[in-house]
Amino acid sequence: TMSCSTNKAIIRILADGNFHSGQAIAAQLQLSRTAVWKKIQSLKAELGLTIHAVTGKGYWLPGGLDLVNKQDLVASISDKDVYVAVFSSIDSTNQHMLECADIDDQRWGVCVAEMQTQGRGRRGRQWLSSYGRNIQMSIGVYLNMPMVDVSGLSLAAGVVLAQFLEDTGVDQGALKWPNDIHINGKKVAGLLLEVKGEAEGPVKAVLGVGLNLDMSETEGSNITQPFTDIKSHLNGVLPSRTTMVSDLTERLYLAIQEYQQKGLAGFLELWKRYDLYLGQEVIITSAANQFQGIYRGLDEQGRLLLETRQSIKIFSAGEVSLRKQDQDG
């Protein structure tokens, strides 16, 4: 729609963090100054952007924004037969990819949003994010394998994310089974794998990644678990978001290829390196029960191994949650 693209254009103008007069914005976008004022009010209300109007100077978005550049992203992806979408705001990147008709067994896709209004976490939890400051992206791909074999893909992706953080200069990243990444006990990233298709395959798999880059603007009050962000662990200096998204896209796509050919095997050894609770006393909670024991890592299928006094118990990701004995969540 016109209004959506105009809103995007205004954000792009203000993204440099400098003052821009209402007159200059109006002239550039061929709008009236009143229309510009109205649009800026709606950007503040709908997207939660901080935009100041200073008399004699113009509109100002303090600190600017590092927006994802679609052209650069497309250019950086080595496989050219790919669907790429960059949204200003969307309900959920995973939902978009699940419904997206532009990908098929010949063509994969990636979708990025500056903001998600209904970001989903595991078990339907809301995943919150402020505009243009974090990474919300989903990769969609058709896999020629039975649906039951696809679940390990989120574990493979977790390994990719942990390696990405390490290569970006974040040292303490650890994997919390099945699909969170923590730094010193605080969540920095999460994965959500959603699939649809035939039981025997082919399956459309959508892998969503939420990565906290800069949570300084986020109201912590509505997030129940402790969180952290990458910026705090890189002395406040982040690589460009476009660079990070394209790097992650490339890495995840390669991991999906490897997973299709060899399954989890190649990833499990690496998982061990980043495994948060290995050898520690944990509590496993299912719908009906709680089990205490020592966390012994994963089996070949990516299921959790718990050593209790009596035996080794095996748990699958869908039905249980894991925590250390002395903490909740």
Protein backbone atom coordinates (compact mmCIF):
# COMPACT_ATOMS: atom_id res chain seq x y z
CA THR A 1 0.00 0.00 0.00
CA MET A 2 0.97 3.59 -0.52
CA SER A 3 0.85 4.44 3.18
CA CYS A 4 3.10 1.53 4.08
CA SER A 5 5.77 2.47 1.54
CA THR A 6 5.55 6.14 2.59
CA ASN A 7 6.06 5.14 6.21
CA LYS A 8 9.08 3.10 5.18
CA ALA A 9 10.44 6.07 3.21
CA ILE A 10 10.10 8.38 6.21
CA ILE A 11 11.89 5.88 8.44
CA ARG A 12 14.69 5.59 5.87
CA ILE A 13 15.11 9.37 5.83
CA LEU A 14 15.24 9.58 9.64
CA ALA A 15 17.44 6.49 9.98
CA ASP A 16 20.66 8.51 9.60
CA GLY A 17 20.05 10.05 13.04
CA ASN A 18 20.18 13.63 11.74
CA PHE A 19 17.57 16.39 11.83
CA HIS A 20 15.22 16.58 8.83
CA SER A 21 12.74 19.41 8.42
CA GLY A 22 9.11 18.58 7.79
CA GLN A 23 9.36 20.68 4.65
CA ALA A 24 12.30 18.69 3.27
CA ILE A 25 10.60 15.34 3.98
CA ALA A 26 7.35 16.62 2.44
CA ALA A 27 9.16 17.78 -0.70
CA GLN A 28 11.09 14.54 -1.06
CA LEU A 29 7.97 12.38 -0.75
CA GLN A 30 5.59 14.80 -2.49
CA LEU A 31 3.31 15.09 0.51
CA SER A 32 1.97 18.01 2.50
CA ARG A 33 3.73 18.90 5.74
CA THR A 34 0.54 17.98 7.61
CA ALA A 35 0.58 14.53 6.00
CA VAL A 36 4.21 14.08 7.09
CA TRP A 37 3.30 15.11 10.65
CA LYS A 38 0.40 12.62 10.71
CA LYS A 39 2.55 9.80 9.40
CA ILE A 40 5.21 10.48 12.01
CA GLN A 41 2.56 10.37 14.76
CA SER A 42 1.41 6.99 13.47
CA LEU A 43 5.00 5.67 13.30
CA LYS A 44 5.46 6.64 16.93
CA ALA A 45 2.20 5.00 17.94
CA GLU A 46 2.31 1.84 15.81
CA LEU A 47 6.02 1.02 15.77
CA GLY A 48 7.03 2.53 19.10
CA LEU A 49 9.70 4.66 17.43
CA THR A 50 11.17 7.58 19.36
CA ILE A 51 10.96 10.58 17.03
CA HIS A 52 11.37 14.11 18.39
CA ALA A 53 10.09 17.25 16.70
CA VAL A 54 12.40 20.17 17.50
CA THR A 55 11.25 23.66 16.52
CA GLY A 56 13.47 25.21 13.88
CA LYS A 57 15.40 21.97 13.33
CA GLY A 58 12.90 19.35 12.29
CA TYR A 59 12.28 15.70 13.10
CA TRP A 60 14.93 13.57 14.74
CA LEU A 61 15.27 9.86 15.51
CA PRO A 62 17.97 9.78 18.21
CA GLY A 63 20.81 7.38 17.47
CA GLY A 64 19.40 6.57 14.05
CA LEU A 65 18.59 3.06 12.88
CA ASP A 66 20.63 0.47 11.04
CA LEU A 67 17.96 -0.89 8.69
CA VAL A 68 18.27 -4.12 6.73
CA ASN A 69 19.11 -3.32 3.11
CA LYS A 70 17.29 -5.69 0.76
CA GLN A 71 19.53 -5.06 -2.28
CA ASP A 72 22.68 -5.79 -0.29
CA LEU A 73 21.09 -8.88 1.23
CA VAL A 74 20.05 -10.26 -2.18
CA ALA A 75 23.52 -9.56 -3.60
CA SER A 76 25.23 -11.34 -0.71
CA ILE A 77 23.37 -14.66 -1.05
CA SER A 78 25.42 -16.99 -3.22
CA ASP A 79 22.48 -19.10 -4.41
CA LYS A 80 20.54 -16.82 -6.73
CA ASP A 81 17.35 -18.87 -6.97
CA VAL A 82 15.99 -17.59 -3.70
CA TYR A 83 12.98 -15.61 -2.54
CA VAL A 84 13.97 -12.64 -0.35
CA ALA A 85 11.52 -10.44 1.54
CA VAL A 86 12.29 -7.59 3.93
CA PHE A 87 9.31 -6.22 5.83
CA SER A 88 9.06 -3.08 7.90
CA SER A 89 6.53 -4.71 10.20
CA ILE A 90 4.84 -8.10 9.99
CA ASP A 91 2.88 -10.33 12.35
CA SER A 92 5.40 -13.17 12.17
CA THR A 93 8.19 -14.03 9.72
CA ASN A 94 7.53 -17.73 10.34
CA GLN A 95 3.87 -17.34 9.48
CA HIS A 96 4.77 -15.49 6.28
CA MET A 97 7.11 -18.25 5.17
CA LEU A 98 4.63 -21.01 6.05
CA GLU A 99 2.00 -19.34 3.85
CA CYS A 100 4.39 -18.06 1.19
CA ALA A 101 3.69 -19.48 -2.26
CA ASP A 102 6.97 -18.15 -3.69
CA ILE A 103 9.01 -21.09 -2.45
CA ASP A 104 8.76 -24.64 -3.70
CA ASP A 105 10.93 -27.72 -4.13
CA GLN A 106 13.21 -25.72 -6.46
CA ARG A 107 13.39 -22.46 -4.57
CA TRP A 108 14.03 -21.61 -0.93
CA GLY A 109 13.43 -18.29 0.75
CA VAL A 110 14.34 -15.92 3.53
CA CYS A 111 12.16 -13.33 5.19
CA VAL A 112 13.34 -10.57 7.53
CA ALA A 113 11.29 -8.05 9.51
CA GLU A 114 12.35 -4.83 11.19
CA MET A 115 9.62 -5.60 13.70
CA GLN A 116 7.30 -8.48 14.52
CA THR A 117 3.94 -7.77 16.07
CA GLN A 118 3.22 -11.41 16.91
CA GLY A 119 6.63 -13.03 17.10
CA ARG A 120 6.24 -16.58 18.34
CA GLY A 121 8.43 -18.46 20.75
CA ARG A 122 8.20 -22.10 21.70
CA ARG A 123 4.81 -23.22 23.09
CA GLY A 124 3.17 -20.12 21.67
CA ARG A 125 4.98 -17.60 23.86
CA GLN A 126 5.21 -14.07 22.55
CA TRP A 127 8.66 -12.98 21.39
CA LEU A 128 8.97 -9.21 21.67
CA SER A 129 11.17 -6.85 19.76
CA SER A 130 11.61 -3.14 19.20
CA TYR A 131 11.73 -1.69 15.70
CA GLY A 132 14.90 -2.07 13.65
CA ARG A 133 17.11 -3.12 16.56
CA ASN A 134 17.20 -6.91 16.58
CA ILE A 135 17.11 -9.75 14.09
CA GLN A 136 13.85 -11.51 13.30
CA MET A 137 14.16 -13.77 10.30
CA SER A 138 12.86 -17.03 8.90
CA ILE A 139 14.18 -19.40 6.28
CA GLY A 140 11.75 -21.58 4.37
CA VAL A 141 12.80 -24.66 2.43
CA TYR A 142 11.25 -27.83 1.04
CA LEU A 143 12.83 -31.01 2.39
CA ASN A 144 12.43 -34.41 0.83
CA MET A 145 12.25 -36.37 4.06
CA PRO A 146 9.61 -37.73 6.43
CA MET A 147 8.22 -35.14 8.82
CA VAL A 148 9.50 -37.07 11.84
CA ASP A 149 13.09 -36.62 10.62
CA VAL A 150 12.86 -32.84 10.33
CA SER A 151 12.72 -32.00 14.05
CA GLY A 152 16.51 -32.18 14.51
CA LEU A 153 16.92 -29.24 12.15
CA SER A 154 16.38 -26.75 14.97
CA LEU A 155 19.27 -28.35 16.89
CA ALA A 156 21.51 -28.03 13.83
CA ALA A 157 20.46 -24.38 13.52
CA GLY A 158 21.27 -23.82 17.19
CA VAL A 159 24.82 -24.99 16.56
CA VAL A 160 25.06 -22.58 13.60
CA LEU A 161 23.86 -19.70 15.78
CA ALA A 162 26.32 -20.55 18.56
CA GLN A 163 29.17 -20.61 16.05
CA PHE A 164 27.97 -17.35 14.51
CA LEU A 165 28.04 -15.67 17.93
CA GLU A 166 31.52 -16.97 18.61
CA ASP A 167 32.78 -15.78 15.21
CA THR A 168 31.17 -12.39 15.84
CA GLY A 169 33.24 -12.08 19.02
CA VAL A 170 30.68 -13.13 21.64
CA ASP A 171 32.44 -15.69 23.82
CA GLN A 172 29.99 -17.05 26.33
CA GLY A 173 27.20 -18.30 24.07
CA ALA A 174 25.77 -21.64 25.21
CA LEU A 175 22.98 -23.85 23.88
CA LYS A 176 19.99 -24.62 26.07
CA TRP A 177 18.19 -27.65 24.69
CA PRO A 178 16.20 -27.65 22.54
CA ASN A 179 16.34 -24.21 20.99
CA ASP A 180 17.58 -21.29 23.06
CA ILE A 181 20.97 -19.65 23.26
CA HIS A 182 22.07 -18.11 26.51
CA ILE A 183 24.95 -15.93 27.60
CA ASN A 184 25.71 -16.28 31.32
CA GLY A 185 22.24 -17.68 32.00
CA LYS A 186 20.36 -15.00 30.06
CA LYS A 187 18.60 -15.65 26.77
CA VAL A 188 20.13 -13.98 23.71
CA ALA A 189 18.49 -15.97 20.91
CA GLY A 190 15.76 -18.47 20.19
CA LEU A 191 14.77 -20.74 17.33
CA LEU A 192 11.38 -21.95 16.22
CA LEU A 193 10.98 -24.72 13.67
CA GLU A 194 7.55 -25.14 12.11
CA VAL A 195 6.68 -27.70 9.46
CA LYS A 196 3.80 -28.56 7.20
CA GLY A 197 3.38 -31.19 4.52
CA GLU A 198 2.99 -34.93 4.16
CA ALA A 199 4.00 -37.35 6.90
CA GLU A 200 6.28 -39.21 4.45
CA GLY A 201 7.45 -35.94 2.86
CA PRO A 202 8.05 -33.64 1.12
CA VAL A 203 7.86 -31.19 3.98
CA LYS A 204 7.94 -27.42 4.02
CA ALA A 205 10.23 -26.49 6.91
CA VAL A 206 10.38 -22.96 8.27
CA LEU A 207 13.15 -22.04 10.65
CA GLY A 208 12.65 -18.84 12.61
CA VAL A 209 15.50 -17.05 14.35
CA GLY A 210 15.12 -14.30 16.92
CA LEU A 211 18.40 -12.71 17.94
CA ASN A 212 18.73 -9.92 20.49
CA LEU A 213 21.19 -7.37 19.12
CA ASP A 214 20.22 -4.29 21.08
CA MET A 215 17.57 -4.57 23.77
CA SER A 216 18.35 -1.23 25.42
CA GLU A 217 15.09 0.26 24.12
CA THR A 218 12.96 -2.73 25.04
CA GLU A 219 10.67 -2.60 28.02
CA GLY A 220 12.02 -5.47 30.07
CA SER A 221 8.87 -5.55 32.17
CA ASN A 222 6.88 -7.65 29.69
CA ILE A 223 9.52 -10.32 29.15
CA THR A 224 9.33 -13.01 31.79
CA GLN A 225 12.78 -14.58 31.49
CA PRO A 226 16.13 -12.83 31.94
CA PHE A 227 17.51 -11.62 28.60
CA THR A 228 20.68 -10.10 27.26
CA ASP A 229 21.85 -8.80 23.90
CA ILE A 230 24.89 -9.01 21.65
CA LYS A 231 25.68 -5.31 21.86
CA SER A 232 26.41 -5.57 25.59
CA HIS A 233 28.97 -8.28 24.85
CA LEU A 234 30.73 -6.40 22.03
CA ASN A 235 31.52 -3.18 23.92
CA GLY A 236 28.47 -1.54 22.41
CA VAL A 237 29.61 -1.84 18.79
CA LEU A 238 27.58 -4.04 16.44
CA PRO A 239 28.37 -5.19 12.90
CA SER A 240 25.76 -3.98 10.40
CA ARG A 241 22.44 -5.79 10.68
CA THR A 242 22.41 -6.47 6.94
CA THR A 243 25.82 -8.14 7.21
CA MET A 244 24.69 -10.26 10.13
CA VAL A 245 21.44 -11.30 8.43
CA SER A 246 23.25 -12.27 5.22
CA ASP A 247 25.94 -14.15 7.14
CA LEU A 248 23.30 -16.06 9.13
CA THR A 249 21.25 -16.77 6.00
CA GLU A 250 24.25 -18.26 4.23
CA ARG A 251 25.29 -20.34 7.25
CA LEU A 252 21.78 -21.64 7.90
CA TYR A 253 21.24 -22.54 4.26
CA LEU A 254 24.48 -24.55 4.20
CA ALA A 255 23.48 -26.25 7.44
CA ILE A 256 20.10 -27.20 5.96
CA GLN A 257 21.90 -28.73 2.96
CA GLU A 258 24.15 -30.74 5.26
CA TYR A 259 21.20 -31.81 7.40
CA GLN A 260 19.37 -33.06 4.31
CA GLN A 261 22.35 -35.18 3.33
CA LYS A 262 23.68 -36.44 6.67
CA GLY A 263 21.14 -35.61 9.35
CA LEU A 264 22.28 -34.50 12.80
CA ALA A 265 25.53 -36.48 12.89
CA GLY A 266 27.84 -33.62 11.96
CA PHE A 267 26.21 -31.20 14.38
CA LEU A 268 26.09 -33.27 17.56
CA GLU A 269 29.83 -33.10 18.22
CA LEU A 270 29.69 -29.31 17.95
CA TRP A 271 26.55 -29.15 20.07
CA LYS A 272 28.53 -30.75 22.90
CA ARG A 273 30.99 -27.87 22.77
CA TYR A 274 28.30 -25.31 23.48
CA ASP A 275 25.96 -27.43 25.63
CA LEU A 276 24.86 -25.31 28.59
CA TYR A 277 23.98 -27.90 31.24
CA LEU A 278 26.23 -30.84 30.34
CA GLY A 279 27.00 -32.85 33.49
CA GLN A 280 24.85 -30.63 35.70
CA GLU A 281 21.88 -31.46 37.89
CA VAL A 282 18.67 -30.51 36.14
CA ILE A 283 14.90 -30.81 36.40
CA ILE A 284 12.83 -32.00 33.45
CA THR A 285 9.17 -31.05 33.51
CA SER A 286 6.53 -32.73 31.37
CA ALA A 287 2.77 -32.22 31.40
CA ALA A 288 2.32 -34.74 34.18
CA ASN A 289 5.69 -35.25 35.87
CA GLN A 290 8.97 -33.83 37.08
CA PHE A 291 12.24 -35.73 36.86
CA GLN A 292 15.52 -34.84 38.54
CA GLY A 293 18.89 -36.09 37.48
CA ILE A 294 22.14 -35.31 35.72
CA TYR A 295 21.94 -33.94 32.20
CA ARG A 296 24.03 -36.18 29.94
CA GLY A 297 23.65 -34.41 26.61
CA LEU A 298 21.89 -35.72 23.52
CA ASP A 299 21.51 -39.05 21.74
CA GLU A 300 21.90 -39.53 17.96
CA GLN A 301 18.37 -38.25 17.37
CA GLY A 302 18.88 -35.12 19.41
CA ARG A 303 16.79 -36.37 22.33
CA LEU A 304 17.79 -35.41 25.84
CA LEU A 305 19.49 -37.96 28.11
CA LEU A 306 18.80 -37.72 31.83
CA GLU A 307 20.67 -39.91 34.29
CA THR A 308 18.50 -40.68 37.30
CA ARG A 309 19.33 -42.99 40.22
CA GLN A 310 17.51 -45.81 38.47
CA SER A 311 18.34 -45.41 34.80
CA ILE A 312 18.97 -43.18 31.82
CA LYS A 313 15.73 -41.58 30.66
CA ILE A 314 15.21 -40.21 27.14
CA PHE A 315 13.08 -37.15 26.36
CA SER A 316 11.95 -35.62 23.07
CA ALA A 317 11.83 -31.87 22.56
CA GLY A 318 8.11 -31.39 21.99
CA GLU A 319 6.88 -32.56 25.35
CA VAL A 320 9.21 -31.36 28.12
CA SER A 321 11.11 -28.35 29.37
CA LEU A 322 14.52 -28.26 30.98
CA ARG A 323 15.96 -26.16 33.78
CA LYS A 324 18.80 -26.24 36.26
CA GLN A 325 17.93 -27.44 39.74
CA ASP A 326 18.24 -24.01 41.32
CA GLN A 327 16.38 -21.81 38.85
CA ASP A 328 13.07 -21.45 37.07
CA GLY A 329 12.62 -21.50 33.28
